[in-house]
Amino acid sequence: MTFLKTACTVVITTCVAVTAFAAPLKLTPADPQPSGLKEGLAVKYAFPYDVKTLHQANRALKNASPGKPLAGLDYWDTNNGDPTLTSDKAHHVVAGISGYVRFDGAGVYVIDFLTNDGLDASVGGQQVGHFNGRQSCNETRAVEVEVPRAGWYELKATYFQRVGTACLHMRAGKGTPDWMPNSAFGYK
C-alpha cells in the first residue's frame, strides 16, 4: 500500500510540475482583423430533450436555430426557472456561441470561465475553457495564453445548461483574471 501511495504522489507531483512550467498557449489573431463588428456574440440554440455532456450538446447543435445575440459573456447565476442566456427556455438549453474577443495589448494573460453546466471554449485557435458535465456556477481551470499583439481573436464555444440555475462568465487578465466587459466582444 505504501508503494501505491508513493507512486500516486510521484504522478501527481509530476503533473503539477509539468503544468506549472508549461509554456502559455499561443493565440492566433484573426487574419484579417475584422471591422464593423456588432457588440456582443452570435448564438445558435438547440433544445434537446435532455443534455448531460458536451458530446450530446454538439449533436443537438446540428439542429440549432439562430437566437438573440449575447451581450457578451457576463451572465450571472439565474434563479431556477429563469431563461438561460438570451433564450426563452430555462432548462435543456444548448448554445453554439461565435464571434471575436479583443485584447487591448500583447502579453501573457490568464483566462478562465465560470459555467453552469458544460462548456468547451476556444480563443484564437486554442482551447481555453472546458468542463464536460454538470455543476453549479464554478470556475474552469485557469489557462495561461500568449497574446502576440493587440486586436481581435476568434472565439467559439459550446455551452449547455441542463436543469436548475445557469451562469456563464469569461475572465481574463495579466496575472489575475478579471471580468471581461461586454465591449470586448464582437460578431459579424
Protein backbone atom coordinates (compact mmCIF):
# COMPACT_ATOMS: atom_id res chain seq x y z
CA MET A 1 0.00 0.00 0.00
CA THR A 2 2.89 2.37 0.79
CA PHE A 3 4.31 1.76 -2.69
CA LEU A 4 0.94 2.65 -4.25
CA LYS A 5 0.71 5.89 -2.20
CA THR A 6 4.27 6.83 -3.16
CA ALA A 7 3.61 6.11 -6.84
CA CYS A 8 0.44 8.24 -6.79
CA THR A 9 2.29 11.09 -5.08
CA VAL A 10 5.04 10.99 -7.74
CA VAL A 11 2.47 11.04 -10.58
CA ILE A 12 0.55 13.95 -9.06
CA THR A 13 3.74 15.93 -8.34
CA THR A 14 4.95 15.36 -11.91
CA CYS A 15 1.62 16.50 -13.38
CA VAL A 16 1.62 19.65 -11.24
CA ALA A 17 5.25 20.42 -12.14
CA VAL A 18 4.62 19.95 -15.87
CA THR A 19 1.53 22.18 -15.69
CA ALA A 20 3.34 24.84 -13.68
CA PHE A 21 6.20 25.09 -16.17
CA ALA A 22 4.20 24.63 -19.37
CA ALA A 23 4.58 27.46 -21.85
CA PRO A 24 1.49 29.63 -22.35
CA LEU A 25 -0.75 28.65 -25.25
CA LYS A 26 -0.05 31.00 -28.17
CA LEU A 27 -3.23 32.55 -29.55
CA THR A 28 -3.58 33.34 -33.25
CA PRO A 29 -5.08 36.76 -34.06
CA ALA A 30 -7.94 36.90 -36.55
CA ASP A 31 -6.50 37.40 -40.02
CA PRO A 32 -7.63 39.68 -41.48
CA GLN A 33 -8.67 41.69 -38.43
CA PRO A 34 -12.45 42.13 -38.65
CA SER A 35 -14.02 45.57 -38.92
CA GLY A 36 -17.55 46.83 -38.48
CA LEU A 37 -18.37 44.29 -35.77
CA LYS A 38 -21.55 44.48 -33.75
CA GLU A 39 -21.03 44.42 -29.97
CA GLY A 40 -21.72 41.02 -28.42
CA LEU A 41 -21.60 37.45 -29.70
CA ALA A 42 -23.68 35.43 -32.15
CA VAL A 43 -25.51 32.42 -30.74
CA LYS A 44 -27.45 29.44 -32.06
CA TYR A 45 -29.75 27.49 -29.74
CA ALA A 46 -30.94 23.93 -29.58
CA PHE A 47 -33.34 22.49 -27.00
CA PRO A 48 -32.83 18.73 -26.74
CA TYR A 49 -34.98 16.52 -24.53
CA ASP A 50 -32.02 16.18 -22.16
CA VAL A 51 -28.32 17.11 -22.20
CA LYS A 52 -25.63 15.92 -19.79
CA THR A 53 -22.39 16.04 -21.84
CA LEU A 54 -20.63 18.13 -24.47
CA HIS A 55 -20.99 15.23 -26.92
CA GLN A 56 -24.78 15.42 -26.55
CA ALA A 57 -24.63 19.23 -26.81
CA ASN A 58 -22.63 19.12 -30.06
CA ARG A 59 -25.09 16.60 -31.54
CA ALA A 60 -28.00 18.90 -30.61
CA LEU A 61 -26.31 21.89 -32.29
CA LYS A 62 -26.71 20.17 -35.68
CA ASN A 63 -30.37 21.27 -35.45
CA ALA A 64 -29.79 24.69 -33.89
CA SER A 65 -31.50 27.92 -34.86
CA PRO A 66 -30.13 31.48 -34.56
CA GLY A 67 -31.01 33.20 -31.31
CA LYS A 68 -30.93 36.71 -29.92
CA PRO A 69 -27.22 37.72 -29.76
CA LEU A 70 -25.42 37.64 -26.42
CA ALA A 71 -24.38 40.98 -24.91
CA GLY A 72 -21.01 39.36 -24.09
CA LEU A 73 -20.03 36.62 -21.65
CA ASP A 74 -21.23 38.02 -18.35
CA TYR A 75 -24.36 36.06 -17.43
CA TRP A 76 -24.79 35.81 -13.66
CA ASP A 77 -26.27 32.79 -11.90
CA THR A 78 -30.01 32.76 -12.56
CA ASN A 79 -32.86 31.66 -10.36
CA ASN A 80 -34.23 28.21 -11.16
CA GLY A 81 -36.75 28.72 -13.96
CA ASP A 82 -35.26 31.94 -15.35
CA PRO A 83 -34.27 31.87 -19.04
CA THR A 84 -30.73 30.71 -19.87
CA LEU A 85 -28.60 33.36 -21.64
CA THR A 86 -30.82 35.03 -24.29
CA SER A 87 -33.01 32.00 -24.95
CA ASP A 88 -36.61 31.81 -23.80
CA LYS A 89 -36.01 28.47 -22.04
CA ALA A 90 -34.59 27.74 -18.60
CA HIS A 91 -33.64 24.07 -18.94
CA HIS A 92 -32.16 21.73 -21.57
CA VAL A 93 -30.53 24.60 -23.46
CA VAL A 94 -27.54 24.20 -25.79
CA ALA A 95 -25.79 27.27 -27.19
CA GLY A 96 -23.28 27.47 -30.04
CA ILE A 97 -21.51 30.79 -29.47
CA SER A 98 -19.28 32.54 -32.02
CA GLY A 99 -17.59 35.86 -32.62
CA TYR A 100 -14.44 37.63 -31.50
CA VAL A 101 -12.81 38.83 -28.29
CA ARG A 102 -10.50 41.85 -28.23
CA PHE A 103 -7.30 42.06 -26.21
CA ASP A 104 -6.03 45.63 -25.80
CA GLY A 105 -2.37 44.67 -25.52
CA ALA A 106 0.14 41.92 -26.14
CA GLY A 107 1.36 39.77 -23.28
CA VAL A 108 0.62 36.73 -21.18
CA TYR A 109 -2.95 36.54 -19.93
CA VAL A 110 -4.76 34.11 -17.64
CA ILE A 111 -8.22 33.09 -18.87
CA ASP A 112 -10.92 31.20 -17.04
CA PHE A 113 -14.69 30.86 -17.11
CA LEU A 114 -17.47 30.37 -14.63
CA THR A 115 -20.01 27.96 -16.00
CA ASN A 116 -23.16 26.08 -15.03
CA ASP A 117 -23.20 23.49 -16.68
CA GLY A 118 -20.87 22.34 -19.52
CA LEU A 119 -18.53 24.42 -21.65
CA ASP A 120 -15.95 23.94 -24.40
CA ALA A 121 -14.46 27.31 -25.38
CA SER A 122 -11.61 28.30 -27.69
CA VAL A 123 -9.99 31.66 -28.37
CA GLY A 124 -7.51 32.27 -31.16
CA GLY A 125 -7.48 28.55 -32.05
CA GLN A 126 -6.66 27.30 -28.52
CA GLN A 127 -8.95 25.60 -26.01
CA VAL A 128 -9.18 27.96 -23.04
CA GLY A 129 -12.22 26.67 -21.16
CA HIS A 130 -13.52 23.15 -20.67
CA PHE A 131 -15.94 21.42 -18.36
CA ASN A 132 -17.79 18.30 -19.54
CA GLY A 133 -20.55 17.73 -17.06
CA ARG A 134 -22.99 19.37 -14.70
CA GLN A 135 -22.09 21.71 -11.87
CA SER A 136 -23.25 24.78 -10.02
CA CYS A 137 -21.69 28.09 -11.15
CA ASN A 138 -17.98 27.23 -10.73
CA GLU A 139 -14.66 28.07 -12.34
CA THR A 140 -12.98 26.15 -15.10
CA ARG A 141 -9.25 25.51 -14.89
CA ALA A 142 -7.32 28.75 -15.48
CA VAL A 143 -5.23 28.73 -18.68
CA GLU A 144 -2.20 30.90 -19.47
CA VAL A 145 -2.18 32.26 -23.01
CA GLU A 146 0.21 34.40 -25.01
CA VAL A 147 -1.45 37.23 -26.91
CA PRO A 148 1.13 38.19 -29.57
CA ARG A 149 -0.45 41.57 -30.36
CA ALA A 150 -3.47 43.70 -29.54
CA GLY A 151 -6.56 43.02 -31.60
CA TRP A 152 -9.42 40.63 -32.27
CA TYR A 153 -9.21 36.86 -31.71
CA GLU A 154 -11.83 34.38 -32.88
CA LEU A 155 -13.98 32.92 -30.11
CA LYS A 156 -16.02 29.71 -30.38
CA ALA A 157 -17.88 27.96 -27.59
CA THR A 158 -20.34 25.18 -26.98
CA TYR A 159 -22.31 25.64 -23.77
CA PHE A 160 -25.11 23.65 -22.21
CA GLN A 161 -27.48 24.09 -19.29
CA ARG A 162 -29.41 21.06 -18.08
CA VAL A 163 -31.64 21.97 -15.10
CA GLY A 164 -31.62 24.35 -12.15
CA THR A 165 -29.73 27.62 -12.35
CA ALA A 166 -27.44 28.81 -15.18
CA CYS A 167 -24.38 31.06 -15.49
CA LEU A 168 -21.63 31.81 -18.00
CA HIS A 169 -18.78 34.31 -17.49
CA MET A 170 -15.38 34.83 -19.11
CA ARG A 171 -12.49 36.36 -17.17
CA ALA A 172 -9.05 37.33 -18.47
CA GLY A 173 -6.15 39.41 -17.27
CA LYS A 174 -2.42 39.75 -16.98
CA GLY A 175 -1.69 37.85 -13.79
CA THR A 176 -5.15 37.63 -12.27
CA PRO A 177 -8.26 37.11 -14.40
CA ASP A 178 -10.89 39.85 -14.24
CA TRP A 179 -14.38 40.11 -15.72
CA MET A 180 -14.39 40.75 -19.46
CA PRO A 181 -16.58 43.77 -20.31
CA ASN A 182 -19.27 43.25 -22.95
CA SER A 183 -17.45 45.82 -25.13
CA ALA A 184 -14.58 43.30 -25.54
CA PHE A 185 -16.77 41.02 -27.71
CA GLY A 186 -17.90 41.44 -31.29
CA TYR A 187 -19.58 39.48 -34.09
CA LYS A 188 -20.43 39.89 -37.77
